[in-house]
Every structure is written in structure tokens, then in C-alpha cells.
Amino acid sequence: KGLFYETTWVEYPDIVELCKAIGAEPS
């Protein structure tokens, strides 16, 4: 889609904490 983005790399043990912290819904 040609969208401007930046990658933030997240290690496996930090995924749940990250999602909860930013308000991401469970997949």
C-alpha cells in the first residue's frame, strides 16, 4: 500500500505486556 511505517521489535516474553500496555485486543 506504500504506507510510511517503522518497525518496533518485540521479544516473545514481552508481547503480552506490550499488547496490554498499548490497549491492543487479543488476536
PDB file of all heavy atoms in Angstrom:
ATOM      1  N   LYS A   1       0.814  -1.212   0.000  1.00  0.00           N
ATOM      2  CA  LYS A   1       0.000   0.000   0.000  1.00  0.00           C
ATOM      3  C   LYS A   1       0.851   1.268   0.000  1.00  0.00           C
ATOM      4  O   LYS A   1       0.318   2.379  -0.109  1.00  0.00           O
ATOM      5  CB  LYS A   1      -0.945  -0.005   1.210  1.00  0.00           C
ATOM      6  CG  LYS A   1      -1.986  -1.118   1.141  1.00  0.00           C
ATOM      7  CD  LYS A   1      -2.932  -1.119   2.324  1.00  0.00           C
ATOM      8  CE  LYS A   1      -4.036  -0.098   2.171  1.00  0.00           C
ATOM      9  NZ  LYS A   1      -4.986  -0.423   1.092  1.00  0.00           N
ATOM     10  N   GLY A   2       2.171   1.093   0.127  1.00  0.00           N
ATOM     11  CA  GLY A   2       3.067   2.249   0.092  1.00  0.00           C
ATOM     12  C   GLY A   2       2.945   3.141   1.305  1.00  0.00           C
ATOM     13  O   GLY A   2       3.156   4.368   1.209  1.00  0.00           O
ATOM     14  N   LEU A   3       2.637   2.552   2.468  1.00  0.00           N
ATOM     15  CA  LEU A   3       2.430   3.348   3.675  1.00  0.00           C
ATOM     16  C   LEU A   3       3.731   3.529   4.452  1.00  0.00           C
ATOM     17  O   LEU A   3       4.593   2.651   4.474  1.00  0.00           O
ATOM     18  CB  LEU A   3       1.378   2.678   4.560  1.00  0.00           C
ATOM     19  CG  LEU A   3      -0.020   2.568   3.917  1.00  0.00           C
ATOM     20  CD1 LEU A   3      -0.947   1.749   4.802  1.00  0.00           C
ATOM     21  CD2 LEU A   3      -0.610   3.952   3.652  1.00  0.00           C
ATOM     22  N   PHE A   4       3.855   4.663   5.087  1.00  0.00           N
ATOM     23  CA  PHE A   4       5.027   5.039   5.864  1.00  0.00           C
ATOM     24  C   PHE A   4       4.920   4.348   7.226  1.00  0.00           C
ATOM     25  O   PHE A   4       3.960   4.549   7.961  1.00  0.00           O
ATOM     26  CB  PHE A   4       5.056   6.551   6.001  1.00  0.00           C
ATOM     27  CG  PHE A   4       6.242   7.108   6.737  1.00  0.00           C
ATOM     28  CD1 PHE A   4       7.466   6.468   6.748  1.00  0.00           C
ATOM     29  CD2 PHE A   4       6.122   8.323   7.406  1.00  0.00           C
ATOM     30  CE1 PHE A   4       8.559   6.988   7.412  1.00  0.00           C
ATOM     31  CE2 PHE A   4       7.210   8.872   8.075  1.00  0.00           C
ATOM     32  CZ  PHE A   4       8.417   8.203   8.085  1.00  0.00           C
ATOM     33  N   TYR A   5       5.914   3.522   7.573  1.00  0.00           N
ATOM     34  CA  TYR A   5       5.872   2.818   8.854  1.00  0.00           C
ATOM     35  C   TYR A   5       7.279   2.618   9.401  1.00  0.00           C
ATOM     36  O   TYR A   5       8.268   2.716   8.680  1.00  0.00           O
ATOM     37  CB  TYR A   5       5.162   1.469   8.710  1.00  0.00           C
ATOM     38  CG  TYR A   5       5.945   0.418   7.951  1.00  0.00           C
ATOM     39  CD1 TYR A   5       6.752  -0.512   8.616  1.00  0.00           C
ATOM     40  CD2 TYR A   5       5.865   0.328   6.561  1.00  0.00           C
ATOM     41  CE1 TYR A   5       7.464  -1.481   7.911  1.00  0.00           C
ATOM     42  CE2 TYR A   5       6.556  -0.637   5.857  1.00  0.00           C
ATOM     43  CZ  TYR A   5       7.355  -1.544   6.541  1.00  0.00           C
ATOM     44  OH  TYR A   5       8.059  -2.489   5.850  1.00  0.00           O
ATOM     45  N   GLU A   6       7.322   2.314  10.688  1.00  0.00           N
ATOM     46  CA  GLU A   6       8.572   1.968  11.363  1.00  0.00           C
ATOM     47  C   GLU A   6       8.341   0.708  12.188  1.00  0.00           C
ATOM     48  O   GLU A   6       7.284   0.548  12.800  1.00  0.00           O
ATOM     49  CB  GLU A   6       9.035   3.103  12.273  1.00  0.00           C
ATOM     50  CG  GLU A   6       9.466   4.360  11.522  1.00  0.00           C
ATOM     51  CD  GLU A   6       9.882   5.488  12.460  1.00  0.00           C
ATOM     52  OE1 GLU A   6       9.693   5.321  13.700  1.00  0.00           O
ATOM     53  OE2 GLU A   6      10.379   6.509  11.966  1.00  0.00           O
ATOM     54  N   THR A   7       9.337  -0.177  12.190  1.00  0.00           N
ATOM     55  CA  THR A   7       9.218  -1.423  12.945  1.00  0.00           C
ATOM     56  C   THR A   7       9.730  -1.245  14.367  1.00  0.00           C
ATOM     57  O   THR A   7      10.809  -0.700  14.587  1.00  0.00           O
ATOM     58  CB  THR A   7      10.015  -2.547  12.268  1.00  0.00           C
ATOM     59  OG1 THR A   7       9.573  -2.700  10.921  1.00  0.00           O
ATOM     60  CG2 THR A   7       9.833  -3.860  13.010  1.00  0.00           C
ATOM     61  N   THR A   8       8.940  -1.716  15.318  1.00  0.00           N
ATOM     62  CA  THR A   8       9.390  -1.843  16.705  1.00  0.00           C
ATOM     63  C   THR A   8       9.503  -3.336  16.993  1.00  0.00           C
ATOM     64  O   THR A   8       8.512  -4.074  16.875  1.00  0.00           O
ATOM     65  CB  THR A   8       8.401  -1.197  17.686  1.00  0.00           C
ATOM     66  OG1 THR A   8       8.374   0.214  17.463  1.00  0.00           O
ATOM     67  CG2 THR A   8       8.813  -1.456  19.136  1.00  0.00           C
ATOM     68  N   TRP A   9      10.700  -3.787  17.316  1.00  0.00           N
ATOM     69  CA  TRP A   9      10.945  -5.209  17.522  1.00  0.00           C
ATOM     70  C   TRP A   9      10.633  -5.580  18.965  1.00  0.00           C
ATOM     71  O   TRP A   9      11.091  -4.918  19.894  1.00  0.00           O
ATOM     72  CB  TRP A   9      12.385  -5.560  17.183  1.00  0.00           C
ATOM     73  CG  TRP A   9      12.748  -5.264  15.756  1.00  0.00           C
ATOM     74  CD1 TRP A   9      13.456  -4.206  15.287  1.00  0.00           C
ATOM     75  CD2 TRP A   9      12.395  -6.050  14.608  1.00  0.00           C
ATOM     76  NE1 TRP A   9      13.576  -4.272  13.922  1.00  0.00           N
ATOM     77  CE2 TRP A   9      12.934  -5.393  13.474  1.00  0.00           C
ATOM     78  CE3 TRP A   9      11.677  -7.227  14.418  1.00  0.00           C
ATOM     79  CZ2 TRP A   9      12.778  -5.890  12.184  1.00  0.00           C
ATOM     80  CZ3 TRP A   9      11.522  -7.727  13.135  1.00  0.00           C
ATOM     81  CH2 TRP A   9      12.072  -7.064  12.041  1.00  0.00           C
ATOM     82  N   VAL A  10       9.876  -6.648  19.152  1.00  0.00           N
ATOM     83  CA  VAL A  10       9.418  -7.071  20.472  1.00  0.00           C
ATOM     84  C   VAL A  10       9.787  -8.536  20.682  1.00  0.00           C
ATOM     85  O   VAL A  10       9.389  -9.401  19.893  1.00  0.00           O
ATOM     86  CB  VAL A  10       7.884  -6.906  20.608  1.00  0.00           C
ATOM     87  CG1 VAL A  10       7.438  -7.246  22.024  1.00  0.00           C
ATOM     88  CG2 VAL A  10       7.454  -5.497  20.227  1.00  0.00           C
ATOM     89  N   GLU A  11      10.534  -8.816  21.749  1.00  0.00           N
ATOM     90  CA  GLU A  11      10.899 -10.203  22.046  1.00  0.00           C
ATOM     91  C   GLU A  11       9.674 -10.962  22.563  1.00  0.00           C
ATOM     92  O   GLU A  11       8.754 -10.385  23.159  1.00  0.00           O
ATOM     93  CB  GLU A  11      12.017 -10.244  23.093  1.00  0.00           C
ATOM     94  CG  GLU A  11      13.310  -9.554  22.673  1.00  0.00           C
ATOM     95  CD  GLU A  11      14.121 -10.324  21.640  1.00  0.00           C
ATOM     96  OE1 GLU A  11      13.729 -11.473  21.309  1.00  0.00           O
ATOM     97  OE2 GLU A  11      15.136  -9.785  21.167  1.00  0.00           O
ATOM     98  N   TYR A  12       9.643 -12.264  22.337  1.00  0.00           N
ATOM     99  CA  TYR A  12       8.488 -13.092  22.684  1.00  0.00           C
ATOM    100  C   TYR A  12       7.972 -12.872  24.115  1.00  0.00           C
ATOM    101  O   TYR A  12       6.753 -12.726  24.311  1.00  0.00           O
ATOM    102  CB  TYR A  12       8.822 -14.567  22.495  1.00  0.00           C
ATOM    103  CG  TYR A  12       8.250 -15.164  21.242  1.00  0.00           C
ATOM    104  CD1 TYR A  12       9.073 -15.515  20.183  1.00  0.00           C
ATOM    105  CD2 TYR A  12       6.883 -15.396  21.102  1.00  0.00           C
ATOM    106  CE1 TYR A  12       8.556 -16.067  19.012  1.00  0.00           C
ATOM    107  CE2 TYR A  12       6.359 -15.942  19.940  1.00  0.00           C
ATOM    108  CZ  TYR A  12       7.201 -16.275  18.910  1.00  0.00           C
ATOM    109  OH  TYR A  12       6.682 -16.814  17.765  1.00  0.00           O
ATOM    110  N   PRO A  13       8.844 -12.874  25.148  1.00  0.00           N
ATOM    111  CA  PRO A  13       8.312 -12.748  26.508  1.00  0.00           C
ATOM    112  C   PRO A  13       7.645 -11.404  26.782  1.00  0.00           C
ATOM    113  O   PRO A  13       6.946 -11.259  27.796  1.00  0.00           O
ATOM    114  CB  PRO A  13       9.564 -12.910  27.390  1.00  0.00           C
ATOM    115  CG  PRO A  13      10.584 -13.530  26.518  1.00  0.00           C
ATOM    116  CD  PRO A  13      10.304 -13.057  25.135  1.00  0.00           C
ATOM    117  N   ASP A  14       7.851 -10.421  25.903  1.00  0.00           N
ATOM    118  CA  ASP A  14       7.320  -9.080  26.139  1.00  0.00           C
ATOM    119  C   ASP A  14       6.029  -8.790  25.376  1.00  0.00           C
ATOM    120  O   ASP A  14       5.454  -7.701  25.525  1.00  0.00           O
ATOM    121  CB  ASP A  14       8.376  -8.033  25.736  1.00  0.00           C
ATOM    122  CG  ASP A  14       9.693  -8.228  26.474  1.00  0.00           C
ATOM    123  OD1 ASP A  14       9.650  -8.634  27.654  1.00  0.00           O
ATOM    124  OD2 ASP A  14      10.752  -7.982  25.873  1.00  0.00           O
ATOM    125  N   ILE A  15       5.559  -9.748  24.575  1.00  0.00           N
ATOM    126  CA  ILE A  15       4.412  -9.482  23.701  1.00  0.00           C
ATOM    127  C   ILE A  15       3.133  -9.219  24.496  1.00  0.00           C
ATOM    128  O   ILE A  15       2.412  -8.248  24.238  1.00  0.00           O
ATOM    129  CB  ILE A  15       4.200 -10.640  22.705  1.00  0.00           C
ATOM    130  CG1 ILE A  15       5.344 -10.670  21.679  1.00  0.00           C
ATOM    131  CG2 ILE A  15       2.855 -10.499  21.992  1.00  0.00           C
ATOM    132  CD1 ILE A  15       5.299 -11.863  20.739  1.00  0.00           C
ATOM    133  N   VAL A  16       2.825 -10.062  25.459  1.00  0.00           N
ATOM    134  CA  VAL A  16       1.584  -9.904  26.222  1.00  0.00           C
ATOM    135  C   VAL A  16       1.582  -8.570  26.955  1.00  0.00           C
ATOM    136  O   VAL A  16       0.591  -7.813  26.911  1.00  0.00           O
ATOM    137  CB  VAL A  16       1.397 -11.067  27.211  1.00  0.00           C
ATOM    138  CG1 VAL A  16       0.203 -10.805  28.123  1.00  0.00           C
ATOM    139  CG2 VAL A  16       1.202 -12.378  26.467  1.00  0.00           C
ATOM    140  N   GLU A  17       2.673  -8.255  27.642  1.00  0.00           N
ATOM    141  CA  GLU A  17       2.768  -6.996  28.389  1.00  0.00           C
ATOM    142  C   GLU A  17       2.615  -5.799  27.460  1.00  0.00           C
ATOM    143  O   GLU A  17       1.916  -4.826  27.781  1.00  0.00           O
ATOM    144  CB  GLU A  17       4.108  -6.933  29.121  1.00  0.00           C
ATOM    145  CG  GLU A  17       4.275  -5.678  29.962  1.00  0.00           C
ATOM    146  CD  GLU A  17       5.599  -5.649  30.690  1.00  0.00           C
ATOM    147  OE1 GLU A  17       6.300  -6.686  30.711  1.00  0.00           O
ATOM    148  OE2 GLU A  17       5.958  -4.587  31.229  1.00  0.00           O
ATOM    149  N   LEU A  18       3.268  -5.859  26.291  1.00  0.00           N
ATOM    150  CA  LEU A  18       3.159  -4.765  25.325  1.00  0.00           C
ATOM    151  C   LEU A  18       1.708  -4.573  24.894  1.00  0.00           C
ATOM    152  O   LEU A  18       1.193  -3.450  24.901  1.00  0.00           O
ATOM    153  CB  LEU A  18       4.013  -5.045  24.090  1.00  0.00           C
ATOM    154  CG  LEU A  18       3.678  -4.146  22.896  1.00  0.00           C
ATOM    155  CD1 LEU A  18       4.389  -2.817  23.024  1.00  0.00           C
ATOM    156  CD2 LEU A  18       3.969  -4.809  21.575  1.00  0.00           C
ATOM    157  N   CYS A  19       1.052  -5.656  24.480  1.00  0.00           N
ATOM    158  CA  CYS A  19      -0.322  -5.557  23.983  1.00  0.00           C
ATOM    159  C   CYS A  19      -1.251  -4.962  25.035  1.00  0.00           C
ATOM    160  O   CYS A  19      -2.087  -4.097  24.734  1.00  0.00           O
ATOM    161  CB  CYS A  19      -0.825  -6.926  23.545  1.00  0.00           C
ATOM    162  SG  CYS A  19      -0.044  -7.551  22.033  1.00  0.00           S
ATOM    163  N   LYS A  20      -1.112  -5.411  26.267  1.00  0.00           N
ATOM    164  CA  LYS A  20      -1.954  -4.874  27.335  1.00  0.00           C
ATOM    165  C   LYS A  20      -1.640  -3.407  27.595  1.00  0.00           C
ATOM    166  O   LYS A  20      -2.548  -2.595  27.822  1.00  0.00           O
ATOM    167  CB  LYS A  20      -1.758  -5.696  28.613  1.00  0.00           C
ATOM    168  CG  LYS A  20      -2.334  -7.099  28.529  1.00  0.00           C
ATOM    169  CD  LYS A  20      -2.121  -7.856  29.827  1.00  0.00           C
ATOM    170  CE  LYS A  20      -2.763  -9.245  29.770  1.00  0.00           C
ATOM    171  NZ  LYS A  20      -2.546  -9.987  31.036  1.00  0.00           N
ATOM    172  N   ALA A  21      -0.354  -3.049  27.526  1.00  0.00           N
ATOM    173  CA  ALA A  21       0.054  -1.674  27.817  1.00  0.00           C
ATOM    174  C   ALA A  21      -0.475  -0.682  26.799  1.00  0.00           C
ATOM    175  O   ALA A  21      -0.845   0.449  27.139  1.00  0.00           O
ATOM    176  CB  ALA A  21       1.576  -1.588  27.909  1.00  0.00           C
ATOM    177  N   ILE A  22      -0.518  -1.090  25.522  1.00  0.00           N
ATOM    178  CA  ILE A  22      -0.952  -0.156  24.478  1.00  0.00           C
ATOM    179  C   ILE A  22      -2.437  -0.311  24.145  1.00  0.00           C
ATOM    180  O   ILE A  22      -2.977   0.441  23.339  1.00  0.00           O
ATOM    181  CB  ILE A  22      -0.118  -0.310  23.192  1.00  0.00           C
ATOM    182  CG1 ILE A  22      -0.353  -1.664  22.526  1.00  0.00           C
ATOM    183  CG2 ILE A  22       1.364  -0.082  23.481  1.00  0.00           C
ATOM    184  CD1 ILE A  22       0.354  -1.826  21.190  1.00  0.00           C
ATOM    185  N   GLY A  23      -3.102  -1.278  24.782  1.00  0.00           N
ATOM    186  CA  GLY A  23      -4.532  -1.459  24.545  1.00  0.00           C
ATOM    187  C   GLY A  23      -4.869  -2.254  23.309  1.00  0.00           C
ATOM    188  O   GLY A  23      -5.963  -2.112  22.759  1.00  0.00           O
ATOM    189  N   ALA A  24      -3.957  -3.128  22.868  1.00  0.00           N
ATOM    190  CA  ALA A  24      -4.239  -3.983  21.706  1.00  0.00           C
ATOM    191  C   ALA A  24      -5.156  -5.127  22.120  1.00  0.00           C
ATOM    192  O   ALA A  24      -4.966  -5.741  23.168  1.00  0.00           O
ATOM    193  CB  ALA A  24      -2.944  -4.539  21.131  1.00  0.00           C
ATOM    194  N   GLU A  25      -6.139  -5.415  21.293  1.00  0.00           N
ATOM    195  CA  GLU A  25      -7.032  -6.538  21.565  1.00  0.00           C
ATOM    196  C   GLU A  25      -6.292  -7.862  21.374  1.00  0.00           C
ATOM    197  O   GLU A  25      -5.343  -7.943  20.581  1.00  0.00           O
ATOM    198  CB  GLU A  25      -8.240  -6.492  20.628  1.00  0.00           C
ATOM    199  CG  GLU A  25      -9.171  -5.317  20.860  1.00  0.00           C
ATOM    200  CD  GLU A  25     -10.382  -5.387  19.962  1.00  0.00           C
ATOM    201  OE1 GLU A  25     -10.455  -6.312  19.123  1.00  0.00           O
ATOM    202  OE2 GLU A  25     -11.258  -4.520  20.095  1.00  0.00           O
ATOM    203  N   PRO A  26      -6.709  -8.903  22.075  1.00  0.00           N
ATOM    204  CA  PRO A  26      -6.113 -10.225  21.806  1.00  0.00           C
ATOM    205  C   PRO A  26      -6.394 -10.631  20.371  1.00  0.00           C
ATOM    206  O   PRO A  26      -7.418 -10.267  19.790  1.00  0.00           O
ATOM    207  CB  PRO A  26      -6.815 -11.142  22.810  1.00  0.00           C
ATOM    208  CG  PRO A  26      -8.063 -10.416  23.201  1.00  0.00           C
ATOM    209  CD  PRO A  26      -7.746  -8.965  23.108  1.00  0.00           C
ATOM    210  N   SER A  27      -5.476 -11.369  19.779  1.00  0.00           N
ATOM    211  CA  SER A  27      -5.672 -11.808  18.405  1.00  0.00           C
ATOM    212  C   SER A  27      -6.732 -12.895  18.308  1.00  0.00           C
ATOM    213  O   SER A  27      -7.344 -13.099  17.258  1.00  0.00           O
ATOM    214  CB  SER A  27      -4.351 -12.303  17.807  1.00  0.00           C
ATOM    215  OG  SER A  27      -3.786 -13.296  18.635  1.00  0.00           O
TER     216      SER A  27
END
